[in-house]
C-alpha atoms as a PDB file:
ATOM      1  CA  UNK A   1     120.064  62.918 108.895  1.00  0.00           C
ATOM      2  CA  UNK A   2     122.423  62.601 111.959  1.00  0.00           C
ATOM      3  CA  UNK A   3     125.075  60.691 110.038  1.00  0.00           C
ATOM      4  CA  UNK A   4     124.910  63.347 107.310  1.00  0.00           C
ATOM      5  CA  UNK A   5     125.658  66.130 109.800  1.00  0.00           C
ATOM      6  CA  UNK A   6     128.662  64.097 111.183  1.00  0.00           C
ATOM      7  CA  UNK A   7     130.085  63.271 107.797  1.00  0.00           C
ATOM      8  CA  UNK A   8     129.756  66.846 106.501  1.00  0.00           C
ATOM      9  CA  UNK A   9     131.197  68.242 109.744  1.00  0.00           C
ATOM     10  CA  UNK A  10     134.235  66.089 109.404  1.00  0.00           C
ATOM     11  CA  UNK A  11     134.618  67.006 105.747  1.00  0.00           C
ATOM     12  CA  UNK A  12     134.381  70.742 106.530  1.00  0.00           C
ATOM     13  CA  UNK A  13     136.888  70.397 109.372  1.00  0.00           C
ATOM     14  CA  UNK A  14     139.349  68.501 107.140  1.00  0.00           C
ATOM     15  CA  UNK A  15     139.018  71.202 104.411  1.00  0.00           C
ATOM     16  CA  UNK A  16     139.352  73.933 107.023  1.00  0.00           C
ATOM     17  CA  UNK A  17     142.578  72.396 108.339  1.00  0.00           C
ATOM     18  CA  UNK A  18     143.996  72.080 104.826  1.00  0.00           C
ATOM     19  CA  UNK A  19     143.072  75.647 104.083  1.00  0.00           C
ATOM     20  CA  UNK A  20     144.761  76.772 107.322  1.00  0.00           C
ATOM     21  CA  UNK A  21     147.873  74.817 106.362  1.00  0.00           C
ATOM     22  CA  UNK A  22     147.969  76.514 102.979  1.00  0.00           C
ATOM     23  CA  UNK A  23     147.549  79.938 104.638  1.00  0.00           C
ATOM     24  CA  UNK A  24     150.367  79.215 106.996  1.00  0.00           C
ATOM     25  CA  UNK A  25     152.770  78.106 104.230  1.00  0.00           C
ATOM     26  CA  UNK A  26     151.738  80.987 101.989  1.00  0.00           C
ATOM     27  CA  UNK A  27     152.416  83.571 104.727  1.00  0.00           C
ATOM     28  CA  UNK A  28     155.741  82.003 105.866  1.00  0.00           C
ATOM     29  CA  UNK A  29     157.216  81.690 102.327  1.00  0.00           C
ATOM     30  CA  UNK A  30     156.233  85.252 101.271  1.00  0.00           C
ATOM     31  CA  UNK A  31     159.514  87.069 101.400  1.00  0.00           C
ATOM     32  CA  UNK A  32     158.996  90.635 100.200  1.00  0.00           C
ATOM     33  CA  UNK A  33     155.200  90.798 100.061  1.00  0.00           C
ATOM     34  CA  UNK A  34     154.618  90.733 103.841  1.00  0.00           C
ATOM     35  CA  UNK A  35     154.264  94.546 104.134  1.00  0.00           C
ATOM     36  CA  UNK A  36     152.115  94.822 101.020  1.00  0.00           C
ATOM     37  CA  UNK A  37     148.604  96.130 101.932  1.00  0.00           C
ATOM     38  CA  UNK A  38     146.964  93.751  99.351  1.00  0.00           C
ATOM     39  CA  UNK A  39     148.779  90.787 100.784  1.00  0.00           C
ATOM     40  CA  UNK A  40     147.764  91.724 104.364  1.00  0.00           C
ATOM     41  CA  UNK A  41     144.150  92.244 103.254  1.00  0.00           C
ATOM     42  CA  UNK A  42     144.127  88.836 101.565  1.00  0.00           C
ATOM     43  CA  UNK A  43     145.621  87.092 104.631  1.00  0.00           C
ATOM     44  CA  UNK A  44     143.108  88.837 106.874  1.00  0.00           C
ATOM     45  CA  UNK A  45     140.214  87.728 104.722  1.00  0.00           C
ATOM     46  CA  UNK A  46     141.686  84.240 104.571  1.00  0.00           C
ATOM     47  CA  UNK A  47     141.862  84.039 108.354  1.00  0.00           C
ATOM     48  CA  UNK A  48     138.337  85.289 108.739  1.00  0.00           C
ATOM     49  CA  UNK A  49     137.128  82.688 106.296  1.00  0.00           C
ATOM     50  CA  UNK A  50     139.127  79.985 108.130  1.00  0.00           C
ATOM     51  CA  UNK A  51     137.647  80.903 111.517  1.00  0.00           C
ATOM     52  CA  UNK A  52     134.095  80.904 110.158  1.00  0.00           C
ATOM     53  CA  UNK A  53     134.681  77.570 108.479  1.00  0.00           C
ATOM     54  CA  UNK A  54     136.053  76.104 111.667  1.00  0.00           C
ATOM     55  CA  UNK A  55     133.023  77.286 113.616  1.00  0.00           C
ATOM     56  CA  UNK A  56     130.710  75.914 110.951  1.00  0.00           C
ATOM     57  CA  UNK A  57     132.393  72.506 111.049  1.00  0.00           C
ATOM     58  CA  UNK A  58     132.078  72.319 114.826  1.00  0.00           C
ATOM     59  CA  UNK A  59     128.468  73.338 114.698  1.00  0.00           C
ATOM     60  CA  UNK A  60     127.724  70.673 112.208  1.00  0.00           C
ATOM     61  CA  UNK A  61     129.323  68.025 114.360  1.00  0.00           C
ATOM     62  CA  UNK A  62     127.557  69.288 117.512  1.00  0.00           C
ATOM     63  CA  UNK A  63     124.135  69.058 115.916  1.00  0.00           C
ATOM     64  CA  UNK A  64     124.825  65.577 114.590  1.00  0.00           C
ATOM     65  CA  UNK A  65     125.189  64.152 118.085  1.00  0.00           C
END
């Protein structure tokens, strides 16, 4: 069970970093949509999901050791 926590923790962290990378590029390449309330709400929700996913990955790794 310990190895499963470590493997899933690493997988969640890799997916989290990929999601964060996509959020970064999506926000930097948005030219006119930056002040749109729907765009800002989507980015805020994306950052909240990214933070919770990051915390979940670290908790999975911590319990695996």
